[in-house]
Amino acid sequence: MKALVYGGPGQKSWQDVPDPRIVKPTDAIVRIDTTTICGTDLHILKGDVPAVQAGRILGHEGVGTITDVGASVGNLKVGDRVIISCIKSCGHCTNCRTGLYSHCLGDEGQSGIGWIFGHLIDGTQAEYVRVPYADNSLHRLPEEVSDEQAVMLSDILPTGFEIGIQYGRVKPGDTVAVIGAGPVGLAAIATAGLYGAATIIAIDLDENRLEQAKTFGATETVISGSSGWKEQVLALTDGLGVDVAIEAVGIPQTFEMATQVVRPGGNVANVGVHGKPVELHLEDLWIQNINISMGLVNANTTPMLLKLVAQQKIPAEKFATHRFTLDNILDAYDTFSRASETNALKVVITR
């Protein structure tokens, strides 16, 4: 089969690789019908994730059709159309039983690490993929949900909702600022209303992304490159600061921005993947009584979010802006990596 193979920092290629096969009785083989590229894949290519070794097939998002199942797979069958969760779940370890799938203790990839696709085992940017713990790591799709909608449920929608909205402790009536209107930031914007946010402020350098943010539910927008961006945000809160500030970029400057606009007693939810250390000004923040949260998505809300997408309560299809076939995946990477020029949100890659 063909797959997108990581060759070390800055190197990738679409090449022939061996077909995946059933290794353990809990495995399934899935034919990839639709996949996409995540900002984390770009971090990997920059060398920000050293655990990813040369030769690894990248990708952790996908929708496909099951072509083979191990002897112990009981809830799925060949021919089922499924979402591949970006997080493994053995379903029976201490962490999985509490919903902390991001730290599944199953030995696939590495015990204690839930994100394994395109990281510790071969991923989804390929014609086929082996999915361990298939009964718990795949979600059967209803007919009314399209592949383009479903692939957004592999990672970005549960990430924005769980690590942004849930970890940020959003509650009814809150003012929420989302710094970074990329795909994950937009996912937080699109799901903030589920917990009753009254005002949702999108903050970004890119005017196009701010316009996109309005279609996902942002009530206000602020260009972060303007000299008075902070004052604009505070003016929307009567000078008090926002109840929840969500960092959705993954660079030191945007994390600091989140700490600057949160009100005393508020919450900073870090969603972005950071490749460099971030300075934390505890000398200023300790007296503000704020809560700072961060984490890797558990994807334990995927079944609930899938229902909302099926009922058209979440506009998952709006994330798809560019479309490619697998044979043109290198062009898809080029388009996605130049999002500020191409206005790309999520690139959809099909067979």
Protein backbone atom coordinates (compact mmCIF):
# COMPACT_ATOMS: atom_id res chain seq x y z
CA MET A 1 0.00 0.00 0.00
CA LYS A 2 0.96 3.68 -0.15
CA ALA A 3 1.50 5.84 2.94
CA LEU A 4 2.88 9.21 4.05
CA VAL A 5 6.15 8.36 5.80
CA TYR A 6 8.10 10.63 8.15
CA GLY A 7 11.81 10.72 7.33
CA GLY A 8 13.01 12.99 10.14
CA PRO A 9 12.56 16.74 10.74
CA GLY A 10 11.44 18.41 7.53
CA GLN A 11 11.24 15.16 5.58
CA LYS A 12 8.19 13.25 4.39
CA SER A 13 7.34 11.08 1.39
CA TRP A 14 4.39 9.24 -0.16
CA GLN A 15 5.77 5.76 -0.73
CA ASP A 16 5.14 2.03 -0.85
CA VAL A 17 5.05 0.28 2.54
CA PRO A 18 3.91 -3.18 3.70
CA ASP A 19 0.18 -3.66 4.25
CA PRO A 20 -0.85 -3.72 7.92
CA ARG A 21 -2.02 -7.03 9.37
CA ILE A 22 -3.82 -8.29 12.45
CA VAL A 23 -1.23 -8.59 15.24
CA LYS A 24 -3.45 -9.06 18.30
CA PRO A 25 -6.98 -10.50 18.56
CA THR A 26 -8.34 -7.07 19.59
CA ASP A 27 -7.10 -5.44 16.34
CA ALA A 28 -9.02 -4.34 13.27
CA ILE A 29 -7.76 -3.34 9.84
CA VAL A 30 -9.47 -0.27 8.42
CA ARG A 31 -9.35 0.92 4.82
CA ILE A 32 -8.90 4.66 4.95
CA ASP A 33 -11.65 6.41 3.02
CA THR A 34 -11.03 9.91 4.41
CA THR A 35 -8.22 11.41 6.44
CA THR A 36 -6.85 14.87 7.16
CA ILE A 37 -3.81 16.72 8.50
CA CYS A 38 -3.50 18.13 12.01
CA GLY A 39 -1.37 20.97 13.31
CA THR A 40 0.36 18.33 15.42
CA ASP A 41 1.60 16.71 12.20
CA LEU A 42 3.28 20.01 11.36
CA HIS A 43 4.84 20.07 14.85
CA ILE A 44 6.22 16.58 14.18
CA LEU A 45 7.75 17.71 10.89
CA LYS A 46 9.41 20.61 12.71
CA GLY A 47 11.02 18.13 15.10
CA ASP A 48 8.90 19.22 18.08
CA VAL A 49 7.87 15.62 18.91
CA PRO A 50 11.11 13.64 19.20
CA ALA A 51 9.30 10.39 20.11
CA VAL A 52 8.25 10.12 16.45
CA GLN A 53 10.95 8.12 14.72
CA ALA A 54 11.96 8.15 11.07
CA GLY A 55 9.94 5.58 9.13
CA ARG A 56 6.70 6.24 11.00
CA ILE A 57 3.49 6.62 8.99
CA LEU A 58 1.94 9.90 10.07
CA GLY A 59 -1.67 10.80 10.81
CA HIS A 60 -4.09 10.23 13.67
CA GLU A 61 -7.44 11.19 12.14
CA GLY A 62 -9.51 9.08 9.83
CA VAL A 63 -12.77 7.56 8.69
CA GLY A 64 -12.85 4.24 6.95
CA THR A 65 -14.30 0.81 6.36
CA ILE A 66 -13.31 -2.27 8.36
CA THR A 67 -11.72 -4.94 6.15
CA ASP A 68 -10.60 -7.42 8.83
CA VAL A 69 -11.09 -7.99 12.56
CA GLY A 70 -9.25 -9.98 15.20
CA ALA A 71 -10.87 -12.94 16.93
CA SER A 72 -11.67 -10.95 20.09
CA VAL A 73 -13.42 -8.03 18.40
CA GLY A 74 -17.07 -8.39 19.34
CA ASN A 75 -18.86 -5.12 18.58
CA LEU A 76 -17.69 -4.49 15.03
CA LYS A 77 -17.62 -6.42 11.78
CA VAL A 78 -16.10 -6.30 8.31
CA GLY A 79 -17.87 -3.65 6.24
CA ASP A 80 -18.66 -1.32 9.14
CA ARG A 81 -18.01 2.36 8.45
CA VAL A 82 -16.15 3.86 11.42
CA ILE A 83 -14.45 6.89 12.94
CA ILE A 84 -10.91 6.17 14.09
CA SER A 85 -10.36 7.88 17.43
CA CYS A 86 -7.02 9.67 17.72
CA ILE A 87 -6.69 8.11 21.21
CA LYS A 88 -6.39 4.39 21.96
CA SER A 89 -8.50 2.85 24.71
CA CYS A 90 -8.02 -0.66 26.00
CA GLY A 91 -11.26 -0.19 27.94
CA HIS A 92 -10.29 -2.04 31.09
CA CYS A 93 -7.26 -0.37 32.71
CA THR A 94 -7.61 1.96 35.71
CA ASN A 95 -7.40 5.10 33.58
CA CYS A 96 -9.80 3.91 30.89
CA ARG A 97 -12.38 2.96 33.49
CA THR A 98 -12.40 6.60 34.66
CA GLY A 99 -12.53 8.01 31.11
CA LEU A 100 -8.87 9.08 31.07
CA TYR A 101 -8.21 7.41 27.74
CA SER A 102 -5.34 9.80 27.02
CA HIS A 103 -3.34 7.81 29.54
CA CYS A 104 -4.55 4.31 28.68
CA LEU A 105 -2.27 1.77 30.34
CA GLY A 106 -2.59 -0.72 27.51
CA ASP A 107 0.83 -1.72 26.20
CA GLU A 108 0.11 -0.83 22.57
CA GLY A 109 2.58 1.89 21.59
CA GLN A 110 3.49 2.72 25.17
CA SER A 111 1.69 2.13 28.43
CA GLY A 112 0.27 5.39 29.78
CA ILE A 113 0.20 7.19 26.43
CA GLY A 114 -3.14 7.33 24.63
CA TRP A 115 -2.04 9.14 21.49
CA ILE A 116 -0.23 6.46 19.50
CA PHE A 117 -1.32 6.80 15.82
CA GLY A 118 1.32 8.62 13.81
CA HIS A 119 3.31 8.93 17.01
CA LEU A 120 4.27 5.56 18.48
CA ILE A 121 2.62 3.29 15.90
CA ASP A 122 1.80 3.77 12.23
CA GLY A 123 -0.99 6.22 11.54
CA THR A 124 -3.89 7.03 9.28
CA GLN A 125 -2.33 8.91 6.36
CA ALA A 126 -2.23 5.68 4.40
CA GLU A 127 -4.45 3.39 2.38
CA TYR A 128 -4.95 1.05 5.36
CA VAL A 129 -4.26 1.19 9.10
CA ARG A 130 -4.17 -1.32 11.96
CA VAL A 131 -6.33 -0.17 14.86
CA PRO A 132 -5.59 -1.75 18.26
CA TYR A 133 -8.35 -2.15 20.88
CA ALA A 134 -10.83 -1.83 18.01
CA ASP A 135 -13.99 -2.25 20.11
CA ASN A 136 -13.09 0.83 22.17
CA SER A 137 -11.09 2.90 19.67
CA LEU A 138 -13.53 2.86 16.74
CA HIS A 139 -16.99 4.42 16.52
CA ARG A 140 -19.57 3.04 14.10
CA LEU A 141 -21.03 5.77 11.89
CA PRO A 142 -24.71 6.40 11.20
CA GLU A 143 -25.61 6.84 7.51
CA GLU A 144 -26.66 10.46 7.96
CA VAL A 145 -23.13 11.57 8.96
CA SER A 146 -20.79 12.14 6.01
CA ASP A 147 -17.11 11.24 5.94
CA GLU A 148 -16.20 14.95 5.93
CA GLN A 149 -18.24 15.54 9.07
CA ALA A 150 -17.02 12.38 10.75
CA VAL A 151 -13.29 12.98 10.27
CA MET A 152 -13.62 16.14 12.39
CA LEU A 153 -14.66 13.86 15.26
CA SER A 154 -11.38 11.95 15.22
CA ASP A 155 -9.56 14.76 17.02
CA ILE A 156 -10.38 18.45 16.64
CA LEU A 157 -13.97 18.50 17.91
CA PRO A 158 -13.34 16.42 21.05
CA THR A 159 -10.06 18.29 21.65
CA GLY A 160 -11.63 21.74 21.46
CA PHE A 161 -14.58 20.66 23.57
CA GLU A 162 -12.82 18.59 26.23
CA ILE A 163 -9.57 20.49 26.74
CA GLY A 164 -11.00 23.93 25.96
CA ILE A 165 -14.60 23.97 27.17
CA GLN A 166 -14.70 21.22 29.79
CA TYR A 167 -11.25 21.75 31.26
CA GLY A 168 -11.83 25.51 31.08
CA ARG A 169 -14.93 25.07 33.27
CA VAL A 170 -17.17 27.06 30.97
CA LYS A 171 -20.56 27.64 32.54
CA PRO A 172 -23.81 29.37 31.51
CA GLY A 173 -23.42 33.10 30.97
CA ASP A 174 -19.61 33.06 30.71
CA THR A 175 -17.50 35.24 28.48
CA VAL A 176 -14.98 33.05 26.68
CA ALA A 177 -11.95 34.21 24.70
CA VAL A 178 -10.43 31.77 22.21
CA ILE A 179 -6.91 32.77 21.17
CA GLY A 180 -6.19 31.18 17.82
CA ALA A 181 -9.01 30.63 15.32
CA GLY A 182 -7.46 27.62 13.64
CA PRO A 183 -9.33 24.30 13.46
CA VAL A 184 -9.05 23.44 17.18
CA GLY A 185 -9.85 26.99 18.27
CA LEU A 186 -12.89 26.94 15.99
CA ALA A 187 -13.89 23.60 17.51
CA ALA A 188 -13.84 25.25 20.94
CA ILE A 189 -15.92 28.12 19.57
CA ALA A 190 -18.39 25.71 17.97
CA THR A 191 -18.91 23.79 21.22
CA ALA A 192 -18.76 26.62 23.79
CA GLY A 193 -22.49 27.10 23.45
CA LEU A 194 -23.09 23.54 24.68
CA TYR A 195 -22.15 24.77 28.15
CA GLY A 196 -23.98 28.07 27.83
CA ALA A 197 -21.26 30.61 27.00
CA ALA A 198 -22.94 33.98 26.42
CA THR A 199 -20.09 35.86 24.73
CA ILE A 200 -17.41 34.13 22.63
CA ILE A 201 -14.47 36.30 21.55
CA ALA A 202 -12.27 34.98 18.74
CA ILE A 203 -8.73 36.41 18.72
CA ASP A 204 -6.37 35.87 15.78
CA LEU A 205 -3.91 37.60 13.47
CA ASP A 206 -5.80 36.44 10.38
CA GLU A 207 -8.90 38.43 9.38
CA ASN A 208 -10.18 35.56 7.22
CA ARG A 209 -10.10 33.18 10.18
CA LEU A 210 -11.93 35.72 12.30
CA GLU A 211 -14.65 35.90 9.65
CA GLN A 212 -14.79 32.10 9.69
CA ALA A 213 -15.05 32.19 13.49
CA LYS A 214 -18.32 34.12 13.25
CA THR A 215 -19.88 31.27 11.27
CA PHE A 216 -18.87 28.84 14.05
CA GLY A 217 -20.47 30.89 16.82
CA ALA A 218 -18.07 33.71 17.76
CA THR A 219 -20.01 36.78 18.89
CA GLU A 220 -16.99 39.12 18.83
CA THR A 221 -13.64 39.20 17.04
CA VAL A 222 -10.33 40.90 17.83
CA ILE A 223 -7.25 41.13 15.61
CA SER A 224 -4.35 40.21 17.88
CA GLY A 225 -1.82 42.09 15.77
CA SER A 226 -3.40 45.43 16.60
CA SER A 227 -1.73 47.53 19.29
CA GLY A 228 -4.84 47.76 21.43
CA TRP A 229 -5.98 44.13 21.20
CA LYS A 230 -5.92 43.61 24.99
CA GLU A 231 -7.89 46.77 25.65
CA GLN A 232 -10.47 45.67 23.05
CA VAL A 233 -10.95 42.35 24.85
CA LEU A 234 -11.20 43.97 28.27
CA ALA A 235 -13.69 46.52 26.94
CA LEU A 236 -15.99 43.62 26.07
CA THR A 237 -15.95 42.56 29.73
CA ASP A 238 -16.39 45.96 31.43
CA GLY A 239 -12.68 45.85 32.17
CA LEU A 240 -12.93 42.73 34.35
CA GLY A 241 -11.39 40.17 32.01
CA VAL A 242 -12.89 37.01 30.51
CA ASP A 243 -14.19 34.11 32.56
CA VAL A 244 -12.33 31.58 30.41
CA ALA A 245 -9.31 32.18 28.16
CA ILE A 246 -8.55 29.30 25.78
CA GLU A 247 -5.08 29.12 24.23
CA ALA A 248 -5.35 27.24 20.92
CA VAL A 249 -2.07 27.96 19.14
CA GLY A 250 0.81 26.47 21.13
CA ILE A 251 3.41 29.25 21.31
CA PRO A 252 4.63 31.22 24.35
CA GLN A 253 3.13 34.53 23.19
CA THR A 254 -0.42 33.22 22.94
CA PHE A 255 -0.25 31.52 26.34
CA GLU A 256 0.87 34.80 27.86
CA MET A 257 -1.99 36.56 26.08
CA ALA A 258 -4.44 34.18 27.75
CA THR A 259 -3.06 35.02 31.20
CA GLN A 260 -3.34 38.74 30.42
CA VAL A 261 -7.06 38.76 29.62
CA VAL A 262 -8.44 36.30 32.20
CA ARG A 263 -10.28 37.81 35.15
CA PRO A 264 -9.41 37.11 38.79
CA GLY A 265 -10.96 33.78 39.66
CA GLY A 266 -11.13 32.78 35.99
CA ASN A 267 -9.76 29.88 34.02
CA VAL A 268 -6.97 29.54 31.45
CA ALA A 269 -7.33 26.39 29.33
CA ASN A 270 -4.24 25.56 27.30
CA VAL A 271 -5.18 23.48 24.25
CA GLY A 272 -2.24 24.24 21.95
CA VAL A 273 0.69 21.83 21.54
CA HIS A 274 3.83 23.62 22.72
CA GLY A 275 7.21 22.80 21.23
CA LYS A 276 9.13 25.31 23.39
CA PRO A 277 9.16 26.20 27.08
CA VAL A 278 6.69 28.82 28.24
CA GLU A 279 7.50 31.34 30.96
CA LEU A 280 4.89 31.32 33.72
CA HIS A 281 4.74 34.58 35.67
CA LEU A 282 3.72 33.17 39.02
CA GLU A 283 4.95 36.36 40.69
CA ASP A 284 1.98 38.10 39.07
CA LEU A 285 -0.52 35.26 38.70
CA TRP A 286 -0.52 33.74 42.19
CA ILE A 287 -2.65 36.56 43.58
CA GLN A 288 -5.22 36.35 40.76
CA ASN A 289 -6.82 33.09 41.95
CA ILE A 290 -6.90 31.66 38.46
CA ASN A 291 -7.00 28.04 37.41
CA ILE A 292 -4.68 26.87 34.61
CA SER A 293 -5.51 23.60 32.85
CA MET A 294 -3.98 21.65 30.00
CA GLY A 295 -4.02 18.17 28.60
CA LEU A 296 -4.25 15.64 25.84
CA VAL A 297 -7.74 14.88 24.58
CA ASN A 298 -9.40 11.77 26.01
CA ALA A 299 -11.94 11.49 23.18
CA ASN A 300 -14.44 10.15 25.73
CA THR A 301 -17.02 12.66 24.47
CA THR A 302 -16.89 11.46 20.85
CA PRO A 303 -20.13 9.41 21.02
CA MET A 304 -22.02 12.42 22.42
CA LEU A 305 -20.51 14.82 19.86
CA LEU A 306 -21.34 12.34 17.08
CA LYS A 307 -25.01 12.49 18.07
CA LEU A 308 -24.95 16.29 17.95
CA VAL A 309 -23.30 16.27 14.51
CA ALA A 310 -25.90 13.78 13.28
CA GLN A 311 -28.63 16.13 14.56
CA GLN A 312 -26.91 19.09 12.84
CA LYS A 313 -26.32 20.80 16.19
CA ILE A 314 -22.57 21.16 15.44
CA PRO A 315 -21.54 22.35 11.94
CA ALA A 316 -18.70 19.85 11.47
CA GLU A 317 -18.82 20.11 7.69
CA LYS A 318 -17.74 23.78 7.83
CA PHE A 319 -14.20 22.81 8.83
CA ALA A 320 -13.53 21.30 5.39
CA THR A 321 -12.12 23.95 3.07
CA HIS A 322 -9.83 22.08 0.67
CA ARG A 323 -10.06 18.61 -0.86
CA PHE A 324 -7.40 16.24 -2.19
CA THR A 325 -6.91 12.56 -2.97
CA LEU A 326 -4.37 10.41 -1.14
CA ASP A 327 -2.09 10.47 -4.19
CA ASN A 328 -1.91 14.25 -3.80
CA ILE A 329 -1.27 14.27 -0.05
CA LEU A 330 2.00 16.19 -0.47
CA ASP A 331 0.02 18.99 -2.12
CA ALA A 332 -2.42 18.82 0.80
CA TYR A 333 0.47 19.29 3.24
CA ASP A 334 1.71 22.27 1.26
CA THR A 335 -1.74 23.87 1.30
CA PHE A 336 -2.29 23.20 5.01
CA SER A 337 1.17 24.43 6.02
CA ARG A 338 0.47 27.75 4.26
CA ALA A 339 -2.95 28.26 5.81
CA SER A 340 -2.48 32.01 6.17
CA GLU A 341 -2.07 32.23 2.38
CA THR A 342 -4.49 29.50 1.30
CA ASN A 343 -7.21 30.15 3.93
CA ALA A 344 -7.18 26.44 4.75
CA LEU A 345 -8.92 25.15 7.85
CA LYS A 346 -9.01 21.37 7.39
CA VAL A 347 -7.86 19.67 4.22
CA VAL A 348 -9.94 16.59 3.45
CA ILE A 349 -8.04 13.74 1.81
CA THR A 350 -9.94 10.87 0.21
CA ARG A 351 -9.12 7.68 -1.67
